[in-house]
Amino acid sequence: MYGAPNLATVRPGRVRARADGLRSYLCIYHPIDRDGLPVANESNHLPSVRVRARSNEEAHRKAYKQTGNCPIAEVQRLEERAS
């Protein structure tokens, strides 16, 4: 979906941050049915999607589109690995 990774290997198992400025975000959303109504969830765990974006707001917009316009409950930035 995002094309070939633009990561430069420093050592085996370690990578540098992407040069294009994109960061990974985990977006948790409330699923809805085809009528736009919330779907009952018995497990109390909300589904999530991962997106790459430059900011929290951009990640929210991308997740909203990717989930078919489901309401986004939370957006969390995933930190890069320490080198």
Protein backbone atom coordinates (compact mmCIF):
# COMPACT_ATOMS: atom_id res chain seq x y z
CA MET A 1 0.00 0.00 0.00
CA TYR A 2 2.83 2.42 0.79
CA GLY A 3 5.22 1.12 -1.86
CA ALA A 4 8.69 -0.16 -1.21
CA PRO A 5 10.06 0.73 2.23
CA ASN A 6 12.55 3.59 2.24
CA LEU A 7 14.60 2.29 5.17
CA ALA A 8 18.38 2.19 5.39
CA THR A 9 19.79 -0.65 7.46
CA VAL A 10 22.27 0.46 10.11
CA ARG A 11 22.86 -2.96 11.67
CA PRO A 12 20.88 -6.17 11.43
CA GLY A 13 17.61 -5.61 13.25
CA ARG A 14 18.01 -1.82 13.42
CA VAL A 15 16.68 0.75 10.97
CA ARG A 16 16.77 4.51 10.65
CA ALA A 17 13.66 6.66 10.41
CA ARG A 18 12.19 7.19 6.93
CA ALA A 19 13.61 10.07 4.95
CA ASP A 20 10.17 11.18 3.70
CA GLY A 21 9.00 12.32 7.15
CA LEU A 22 6.15 9.78 7.46
CA ARG A 23 5.51 8.20 10.84
CA SER A 24 3.43 5.18 11.83
CA TYR A 25 0.14 5.68 13.66
CA LEU A 26 -2.26 3.20 15.22
CA CYS A 27 -5.86 4.35 14.80
CA ILE A 28 -8.61 2.75 16.88
CA TYR A 29 -12.12 3.05 15.48
CA HIS A 30 -15.77 2.22 16.22
CA PRO A 31 -17.14 -0.10 13.52
CA ILE A 32 -20.45 0.79 11.90
CA ASP A 33 -22.87 -1.24 9.78
CA ARG A 34 -23.96 -0.36 6.25
CA ASP A 35 -26.72 1.88 7.63
CA GLY A 36 -24.19 3.93 9.61
CA LEU A 37 -25.23 2.56 13.01
CA PRO A 38 -22.69 1.40 15.63
CA VAL A 39 -21.99 -2.33 15.67
CA ALA A 40 -22.39 -4.07 19.03
CA ASN A 41 -19.07 -5.37 20.32
CA GLU A 42 -19.18 -8.15 22.92
CA SER A 43 -15.41 -8.44 23.41
CA ASN A 44 -14.92 -4.78 24.48
CA HIS A 45 -11.95 -4.53 22.08
CA LEU A 46 -12.14 -2.01 19.29
CA PRO A 47 -10.48 -2.78 15.95
CA SER A 48 -7.56 -0.71 14.71
CA VAL A 49 -5.68 0.15 11.53
CA ARG A 50 -2.10 1.29 10.98
CA VAL A 51 -1.41 4.24 8.71
CA ARG A 52 1.67 6.24 7.73
CA ALA A 53 1.27 10.01 7.92
CA ARG A 54 3.13 13.23 8.65
CA SER A 55 0.85 14.33 11.50
CA ASN A 56 -1.84 13.16 13.89
CA GLU A 57 -4.53 14.98 11.89
CA GLU A 58 -3.42 13.43 8.60
CA ALA A 59 -3.42 9.96 10.23
CA HIS A 60 -6.97 10.59 11.47
CA ARG A 61 -8.14 11.54 7.96
CA LYS A 62 -6.44 8.53 6.34
CA ALA A 63 -7.87 6.11 8.92
CA TYR A 64 -11.35 7.57 8.47
CA LYS A 65 -11.18 6.92 4.72
CA GLN A 66 -9.52 3.50 5.11
CA THR A 67 -12.22 2.23 7.50
CA GLY A 68 -15.10 3.33 5.30
CA ASN A 69 -15.93 6.48 7.30
CA CYS A 70 -16.06 4.81 10.72
CA PRO A 71 -15.65 7.17 13.70
CA ILE A 72 -12.04 7.21 14.92
CA ALA A 73 -11.80 6.84 18.70
CA GLU A 74 -8.06 7.37 19.17
CA VAL A 75 -4.87 8.02 17.21
CA GLN A 76 -1.55 6.92 18.73
CA ARG A 77 1.88 7.61 17.22
CA LEU A 78 4.12 4.55 17.18
CA GLU A 79 7.69 5.41 18.11
CA GLU A 80 10.63 4.45 15.89
CA ARG A 81 13.11 1.92 17.18
CA ALA A 82 16.06 3.34 19.08
CA SER A 83 19.35 2.86 17.27
